[in-house]
C-alpha atoms as a PDB file:
ATOM      1  CA  MET A   1       8.626   7.760  -2.681  1.00  0.00           C
ATOM      2  CA  GLU A   2       7.747   5.245   0.276  1.00  0.00           C
ATOM      3  CA  ILE A   3       7.371   1.427  -0.926  1.00  0.00           C
ATOM      4  CA  PHE A   4       4.972  -0.594   1.036  1.00  0.00           C
ATOM      5  CA  ILE A   5       4.316  -4.243   1.019  1.00  0.00           C
ATOM      6  CA  ASP A   6       0.858  -5.679   0.039  1.00  0.00           C
ATOM      7  CA  SER A   7       0.704  -8.957   1.335  1.00  0.00           C
ATOM      8  CA  ALA A   8       0.293 -11.061   3.914  1.00  0.00           C
ATOM      9  CA  ASP A   9       2.539 -13.771   3.590  1.00  0.00           C
ATOM     10  CA  ILE A  10       5.238 -13.296   6.154  1.00  0.00           C
ATOM     11  CA  LYS A  11       8.291 -15.271   4.361  1.00  0.00           C
ATOM     12  CA  GLU A  12       7.592 -12.342   1.459  1.00  0.00           C
ATOM     13  CA  ILE A  13       7.495  -9.565   3.938  1.00  0.00           C
ATOM     14  CA  LYS A  14      10.820 -11.151   5.762  1.00  0.00           C
ATOM     15  CA  GLU A  15      12.738 -10.834   2.164  1.00  0.00           C
ATOM     16  CA  ALA A  16      10.971  -7.561   1.045  1.00  0.00           C
ATOM     17  CA  ALA A  17      12.513  -6.198   4.306  1.00  0.00           C
ATOM     18  CA  ALA A  18      15.898  -8.044   4.200  1.00  0.00           C
ATOM     19  CA  MET A  19      16.140  -6.397   1.224  1.00  0.00           C
ATOM     20  CA  GLY A  20      15.734  -2.751   3.008  1.00  0.00           C
ATOM     21  CA  ALA A  21      13.071  -2.363   0.299  1.00  0.00           C
ATOM     22  CA  ILE A  22       9.631  -1.476   2.317  1.00  0.00           C
ATOM     23  CA  ASP A  23       8.812   0.999   4.402  1.00  0.00           C
ATOM     24  CA  GLY A  24       5.492   0.022   5.371  1.00  0.00           C
ATOM     25  CA  VAL A  25       2.714  -2.925   4.584  1.00  0.00           C
ATOM     26  CA  THR A  26      -0.938  -3.057   3.179  1.00  0.00           C
ATOM     27  CA  THR A  27      -3.190  -6.238   3.963  1.00  0.00           C
ATOM     28  CA  ASN A  28      -6.921  -7.184   2.909  1.00  0.00           C
ATOM     29  CA  PRO A  29      -9.056 -10.115   3.756  1.00  0.00           C
ATOM     30  CA  SER A  30      -7.962 -11.916   0.709  1.00  0.00           C
ATOM     31  CA  LEU A  31      -4.610 -11.679   1.440  1.00  0.00           C
ATOM     32  CA  ILE A  32      -4.667 -12.727   5.146  1.00  0.00           C
ATOM     33  CA  ALA A  33      -7.133 -15.655   3.784  1.00  0.00           C
ATOM     34  CA  LYS A  34      -4.821 -17.369   1.508  1.00  0.00           C
ATOM     35  CA  THR A  35      -2.118 -17.475   5.118  1.00  0.00           C
ATOM     36  CA  GLY A  36      -4.875 -19.763   6.708  1.00  0.00           C
ATOM     37  CA  ARG A  37      -3.694 -17.469  10.186  1.00  0.00           C
ATOM     38  CA  LYS A  38      -5.931 -15.493  12.313  1.00  0.00           C
ATOM     39  CA  PHE A  39      -5.670 -12.404  11.628  1.00  0.00           C
ATOM     40  CA  GLU A  40      -4.765 -10.842  14.209  1.00  0.00           C
ATOM     41  CA  GLU A  41      -1.960 -13.727  15.026  1.00  0.00           C
ATOM     42  CA  VAL A  42      -0.502 -12.364  11.153  1.00  0.00           C
ATOM     43  CA  LEU A  43      -0.773  -8.715  12.076  1.00  0.00           C
ATOM     44  CA  LYS A  44       1.202  -9.567  15.268  1.00  0.00           C
ATOM     45  CA  ASP A  45       4.021 -11.225  13.251  1.00  0.00           C
ATOM     46  CA  ILE A  46       3.986  -8.399  10.835  1.00  0.00           C
ATOM     47  CA  VAL A  47       4.768  -5.846  13.277  1.00  0.00           C
ATOM     48  CA  GLU A  48       7.484  -7.051  14.826  1.00  0.00           C
ATOM     49  CA  ILE A  49       8.891  -7.429  11.134  1.00  0.00           C
ATOM     50  CA  VAL A  50       8.330  -3.858   9.704  1.00  0.00           C
ATOM     51  CA  ASP A  51       8.767  -0.950  11.771  1.00  0.00           C
ATOM     52  CA  GLY A  52       6.259   0.959   9.576  1.00  0.00           C
ATOM     53  CA  PRO A  53       2.541   1.445   8.672  1.00  0.00           C
ATOM     54  CA  ILE A  54       0.870  -1.830   8.441  1.00  0.00           C
ATOM     55  CA  SER A  55      -2.730  -1.288   7.124  1.00  0.00           C
ATOM     56  CA  ALA A  56      -5.533  -3.317   8.436  1.00  0.00           C
ATOM     57  CA  GLU A  57      -8.593  -3.607   7.029  1.00  0.00           C
ATOM     58  CA  THR A  58     -12.289  -3.375   8.851  1.00  0.00           C
ATOM     59  CA  ILE A  59     -15.141  -5.896   7.794  1.00  0.00           C
ATOM     60  CA  ALA A  60     -17.985  -3.942   9.047  1.00  0.00           C
ATOM     61  CA  LEU A  61     -19.940  -1.791   6.575  1.00  0.00           C
ATOM     62  CA  ASP A  62     -21.755   0.681   9.035  1.00  0.00           C
ATOM     63  CA  CYS A  63     -19.743   3.893  10.854  1.00  0.00           C
ATOM     64  CA  ALA A  64     -20.683   2.159  14.329  1.00  0.00           C
ATOM     65  CA  GLY A  65     -19.140  -1.204  13.800  1.00  0.00           C
ATOM     66  CA  ILE A  66     -15.572   0.084  11.746  1.00  0.00           C
ATOM     67  CA  VAL A  67     -15.298   2.444  14.621  1.00  0.00           C
ATOM     68  CA  LYS A  68     -15.255  -0.278  16.601  1.00  0.00           C
ATOM     69  CA  GLU A  69     -13.533  -2.434  14.771  1.00  0.00           C
ATOM     70  CA  GLY A  70     -10.955   0.222  14.322  1.00  0.00           C
ATOM     71  CA  GLN A  71     -10.506   0.814  17.744  1.00  0.00           C
ATOM     72  CA  THR A  72      -9.938  -2.838  18.193  1.00  0.00           C
ATOM     73  CA  LEU A  73      -7.392  -3.144  15.299  1.00  0.00           C
ATOM     74  CA  ALA A  74      -5.722  -0.209  16.679  1.00  0.00           C
ATOM     75  CA  LYS A  75      -4.817  -1.336  20.543  1.00  0.00           C
ATOM     76  CA  ILE A  76      -2.734  -4.178  18.950  1.00  0.00           C
ATOM     77  CA  HIS A  77       0.533  -1.967  18.056  1.00  0.00           C
ATOM     78  CA  LYS A  78       0.727   1.917  17.679  1.00  0.00           C
ATOM     79  CA  ASN A  79       2.374   1.337  14.016  1.00  0.00           C
ATOM     80  CA  ILE A  80      -1.473  -0.125  12.951  1.00  0.00           C
ATOM     81  CA  VAL A  81      -3.581   1.821  10.033  1.00  0.00           C
ATOM     82  CA  VAL A  82      -7.267   1.188  10.166  1.00  0.00           C
ATOM     83  CA  LYS A  83      -8.430   0.504   6.339  1.00  0.00           C
ATOM     84  CA  VAL A  84     -11.885   1.738   5.532  1.00  0.00           C
ATOM     85  CA  PRO A  85     -14.014   1.172   2.660  1.00  0.00           C
ATOM     86  CA  LEU A  86     -14.639   4.489   0.588  1.00  0.00           C
ATOM     87  CA  ILE A  87     -18.523   3.930   1.046  1.00  0.00           C
ATOM     88  CA  THR A  88     -20.901   6.826   2.666  1.00  0.00           C
ATOM     89  CA  GLU A  89     -20.676   4.760   6.597  1.00  0.00           C
ATOM     90  CA  GLY A  90     -16.935   4.709   6.163  1.00  0.00           C
ATOM     91  CA  LEU A  91     -16.354   8.176   5.424  1.00  0.00           C
ATOM     92  CA  LYS A  92     -18.042   8.886   8.854  1.00  0.00           C
ATOM     93  CA  ALA A  93     -16.110   6.583  10.194  1.00  0.00           C
ATOM     94  CA  ILE A  94     -12.846   7.699   9.094  1.00  0.00           C
ATOM     95  CA  LYS A  95     -14.034  11.108  10.519  1.00  0.00           C
ATOM     96  CA  GLU A  96     -14.613   9.571  13.825  1.00  0.00           C
ATOM     97  CA  LEU A  97     -11.044   7.906  13.935  1.00  0.00           C
ATOM     98  CA  THR A  98      -9.398  10.437  12.775  1.00  0.00           C
ATOM     99  CA  LYS A  99     -10.783  12.593  15.914  1.00  0.00           C
ATOM    100  CA  GLN A 100      -9.664   9.849  18.083  1.00  0.00           C
ATOM    101  CA  GLY A 101      -5.825  10.213  17.044  1.00  0.00           C
ATOM    102  CA  ILE A 102      -6.027   6.496  14.733  1.00  0.00           C
ATOM    103  CA  LYS A 103      -4.809   6.843  11.515  1.00  0.00           C
ATOM    104  CA  THR A 104      -6.880   5.751   8.539  1.00  0.00           C
ATOM    105  CA  ASN A 105      -6.384   3.776   4.887  1.00  0.00           C
ATOM    106  CA  CYS A 106      -9.455   4.896   2.783  1.00  0.00           C
ATOM    107  CA  THR A 107      -9.334   1.978   0.288  1.00  0.00           C
ATOM    108  CA  LEU A 108     -11.226   1.098  -2.899  1.00  0.00           C
ATOM    109  CA  CYS A 109     -10.977   4.440  -4.516  1.00  0.00           C
ATOM    110  CA  PHE A 110     -11.514   4.418  -7.895  1.00  0.00           C
ATOM    111  CA  SER A 111     -12.874   8.395  -8.466  1.00  0.00           C
ATOM    112  CA  ALA A 112     -10.615  11.904  -7.931  1.00  0.00           C
ATOM    113  CA  ASN A 113     -14.643  12.745  -5.903  1.00  0.00           C
ATOM    114  CA  GLN A 114     -13.698   9.688  -4.162  1.00  0.00           C
ATOM    115  CA  ALA A 115     -10.791  10.587  -3.305  1.00  0.00           C
ATOM    116  CA  LEU A 116     -11.735  14.667  -2.250  1.00  0.00           C
ATOM    117  CA  LEU A 117     -14.193  13.202   0.109  1.00  0.00           C
ATOM    118  CA  ALA A 118     -12.100  11.350   1.774  1.00  0.00           C
ATOM    119  CA  ALA A 119      -9.304  14.070   2.195  1.00  0.00           C
ATOM    120  CA  LYS A 120     -11.840  16.061   3.842  1.00  0.00           C
ATOM    121  CA  ALA A 121     -12.924  13.353   6.035  1.00  0.00           C
ATOM    122  CA  GLY A 122      -9.498  13.352   7.641  1.00  0.00           C
ATOM    123  CA  ALA A 123      -8.050  10.020   6.019  1.00  0.00           C
ATOM    124  CA  THR A 124      -4.472   9.885   6.629  1.00  0.00           C
ATOM    125  CA  TYR A 125      -4.000   7.476   3.065  1.00  0.00           C
ATOM    126  CA  ILE A 126      -5.748   7.366  -0.277  1.00  0.00           C
ATOM    127  CA  SER A 127      -5.819   4.264  -1.556  1.00  0.00           C
ATOM    128  CA  PRO A 128      -6.451   4.724  -5.657  1.00  0.00           C
ATOM    129  CA  PHE A 129      -7.020   1.007  -7.561  1.00  0.00           C
ATOM    130  CA  VAL A 130      -4.781   2.131 -10.911  1.00  0.00           C
ATOM    131  CA  GLY A 131      -4.711  -1.812 -11.548  1.00  0.00           C
ATOM    132  CA  ARG A 132      -8.741  -2.488 -11.167  1.00  0.00           C
ATOM    133  CA  LEU A 133      -9.165   0.812 -13.638  1.00  0.00           C
ATOM    134  CA  ASP A 134      -6.804  -0.990 -16.162  1.00  0.00           C
ATOM    135  CA  ASP A 135      -8.935  -3.866 -16.049  1.00  0.00           C
ATOM    136  CA  ILE A 136     -12.196  -2.096 -17.222  1.00  0.00           C
ATOM    137  CA  SER A 137      -9.803   0.153 -19.990  1.00  0.00           C
ATOM    138  CA  GLN A 138     -10.002   2.619 -18.116  1.00  0.00           C
ATOM    139  CA  THR A 139      -6.242   4.452 -17.481  1.00  0.00           C
ATOM    140  CA  GLY A 140      -5.527   3.624 -13.837  1.00  0.00           C
ATOM    141  CA  MET A 141      -2.797   6.148 -13.545  1.00  0.00           C
ATOM    142  CA  ASP A 142      -4.350   9.254 -14.931  1.00  0.00           C
ATOM    143  CA  LEU A 143      -6.482   9.357 -11.464  1.00  0.00           C
ATOM    144  CA  ILE A 144      -2.949   9.745  -9.865  1.00  0.00           C
ATOM    145  CA  GLU A 145      -2.453  12.633 -11.604  1.00  0.00           C
ATOM    146  CA  GLU A 146      -5.828  14.081 -10.893  1.00  0.00           C
ATOM    147  CA  LEU A 147      -5.146  13.514  -7.144  1.00  0.00           C
ATOM    148  CA  ARG A 148      -1.971  14.740  -7.103  1.00  0.00           C
ATOM    149  CA  GLN A 149      -3.255  18.035  -8.694  1.00  0.00           C
ATOM    150  CA  ILE A 150      -6.113  18.352  -6.591  1.00  0.00           C
ATOM    151  CA  TYR A 151      -4.226  17.237  -3.326  1.00  0.00           C
ATOM    152  CA  ASP A 152      -1.588  19.999  -3.872  1.00  0.00           C
ATOM    153  CA  ASN A 153      -4.404  22.646  -5.401  1.00  0.00           C
ATOM    154  CA  TYR A 154      -5.987  22.488  -1.259  1.00  0.00           C
ATOM    155  CA  ASN A 155      -2.812  21.407   0.432  1.00  0.00           C
ATOM    156  CA  PHE A 156      -4.313  18.308   1.480  1.00  0.00           C
ATOM    157  CA  SER A 157      -1.993  16.534   4.379  1.00  0.00           C
ATOM    158  CA  THR A 158      -4.231  12.831   2.883  1.00  0.00           C
ATOM    159  CA  LYS A 159      -0.781  10.832   1.291  1.00  0.00           C
ATOM    160  CA  ILE A 160      -1.804   8.936  -2.035  1.00  0.00           C
ATOM    161  CA  LEU A 161      -0.770   5.227  -1.654  1.00  0.00           C
ATOM    162  CA  VAL A 162      -1.088   3.915  -5.191  1.00  0.00           C
ATOM    163  CA  ALA A 163      -2.573   0.627  -4.795  1.00  0.00           C
ATOM    164  CA  SER A 164      -3.809  -2.496  -7.224  1.00  0.00           C
ATOM    165  CA  ILE A 165       0.457  -2.049  -9.019  1.00  0.00           C
ATOM    166  CA  ARG A 166       0.548  -4.749 -11.775  1.00  0.00           C
ATOM    167  CA  ASN A 167       3.946  -3.987 -12.989  1.00  0.00           C
ATOM    168  CA  PRO A 168       6.914  -1.845 -12.807  1.00  0.00           C
ATOM    169  CA  ILE A 169       5.290   0.598 -14.868  1.00  0.00           C
ATOM    170  CA  HIS A 170       2.943   1.060 -12.313  1.00  0.00           C
ATOM    171  CA  PHE A 171       5.248   1.922  -9.677  1.00  0.00           C
ATOM    172  CA  LYS A 172       7.871   4.238 -12.209  1.00  0.00           C
ATOM    173  CA  GLU A 173       4.605   6.042 -13.357  1.00  0.00           C
ATOM    174  CA  SER A 174       3.571   6.543  -9.505  1.00  0.00           C
ATOM    175  CA  ALA A 175       7.130   7.926  -9.139  1.00  0.00           C
ATOM    176  CA  LEU A 176       7.240  10.413 -11.844  1.00  0.00           C
ATOM    177  CA  ILE A 177       3.685  11.621 -10.733  1.00  0.00           C
ATOM    178  CA  GLY A 178       5.135  12.513  -7.364  1.00  0.00           C
ATOM    179  CA  ALA A 179       2.516   9.641  -5.107  1.00  0.00           C
ATOM    180  CA  ASP A 180       3.684   9.557  -1.652  1.00  0.00           C
ATOM    181  CA  VAL A 181       3.385   6.003  -1.399  1.00  0.00           C
ATOM    182  CA  ALA A 182       3.298   2.523  -3.922  1.00  0.00           C
ATOM    183  CA  THR A 183       2.057  -0.260  -2.371  1.00  0.00           C
ATOM    184  CA  VAL A 184       3.433  -3.233  -4.007  1.00  0.00           C
ATOM    185  CA  PRO A 185       3.101  -7.404  -4.638  1.00  0.00           C
ATOM    186  CA  PHE A 186       6.496  -8.981  -3.914  1.00  0.00           C
ATOM    187  CA  SER A 187       6.860 -10.389  -7.631  1.00  0.00           C
ATOM    188  CA  VAL A 188       6.393  -7.083  -8.610  1.00  0.00           C
ATOM    189  CA  ILE A 189       9.570  -5.848  -6.603  1.00  0.00           C
ATOM    190  CA  GLN A 190      11.290  -8.968  -7.307  1.00  0.00           C
ATOM    191  CA  GLN A 191      11.228  -7.153 -11.133  1.00  0.00           C
ATOM    192  CA  LEU A 192      11.870  -4.003 -10.107  1.00  0.00           C
ATOM    193  CA  ALA A 193      15.800  -5.007  -8.827  1.00  0.00           C
ATOM    194  CA  LYS A 194      15.883  -7.184 -12.595  1.00  0.00           C
ATOM    195  CA  HIS A 195      17.182  -5.656 -15.748  1.00  0.00           C
ATOM    196  CA  THR A 196      18.405  -8.108 -18.608  1.00  0.00           C
ATOM    197  CA  LEU A 197      21.603  -6.267 -18.925  1.00  0.00           C
ATOM    198  CA  THR A 198      22.395  -6.016 -15.557  1.00  0.00           C
ATOM    199  CA  ASP A 199      22.552  -9.812 -15.590  1.00  0.00           C
ATOM    200  CA  ILE A 200      24.197 -10.095 -18.958  1.00  0.00           C
ATOM    201  CA  GLY A 201      26.869  -7.885 -17.344  1.00  0.00           C
ATOM    202  CA  LEU A 202      27.761  -9.789 -13.973  1.00  0.00           C
ATOM    203  CA  LYS A 203      27.632 -13.087 -16.375  1.00  0.00           C
ATOM    204  CA  LYS A 204      30.396 -11.310 -18.183  1.00  0.00           C
ATOM    205  CA  PHE A 205      31.935 -10.293 -15.355  1.00  0.00           C
ATOM    206  CA  LEU A 206      32.231 -13.399 -13.873  1.00  0.00           C
ATOM    207  CA  GLU A 207      33.314 -15.298 -17.194  1.00  0.00           C
ATOM    208  CA  ASP A 208      36.043 -12.659 -17.033  1.00  0.00           C
ATOM    209  CA  TRP A 209      37.395 -13.407 -13.663  1.00  0.00           C
ATOM    210  CA  GLU A 210      37.618 -16.741 -14.477  1.00  0.00           C
ATOM    211  CA  LYS A 211      40.093 -15.781 -16.880  1.00  0.00           C
ATOM    212  CA  VAL A 212      42.402 -13.897 -14.261  1.00  0.00           C
ATOM    213  CA  PRO A 213      45.458 -15.829 -12.963  1.00  0.00           C
ATOM    214  CA  LYS A 214      44.630 -17.637  -9.298  1.00  0.00           C
END
């Protein structure tokens, strides 16, 4: 399973990249807004750090507008993946962008039916939001299981990119189910490397080392 970092914070992205933990980056308008910087400037910095897919979201809600924005984003760098909302106009835009050879990430997916339509339209990635489903008392990971089965049933090439991951359990279950990608906040990436027994063991080793004659 590939790991993307869900962030627009350059310091976080650099740290995760230094760990060898990430294969790509996902951003969204909310994450970009937190930086206080211009959208294109942030993207240009990110592509210099990570040599992998970088999702950048469109803002338009009509097909023509999404396609135009997508074309502009794709020109920034070869690794840019155009992030498109899962609405009717978005599906139209995905179909057109795919025809033009531009990679897409269909975002804000909350049902298997939506994901099936995105795959039919030719989306490179589908982003089901598991955490937000959990927030409304649905089990987000159930959707990932459904998508894996449906996509395998029909050999769709669209990659399942698990989004809105809130904790290491979401991450582990994504890997067990066979998701193609998990996009993870930096705080969760840090948690993945931690274990109480690791800390206890390291502390004991260091204490014992102090007893070794020097």
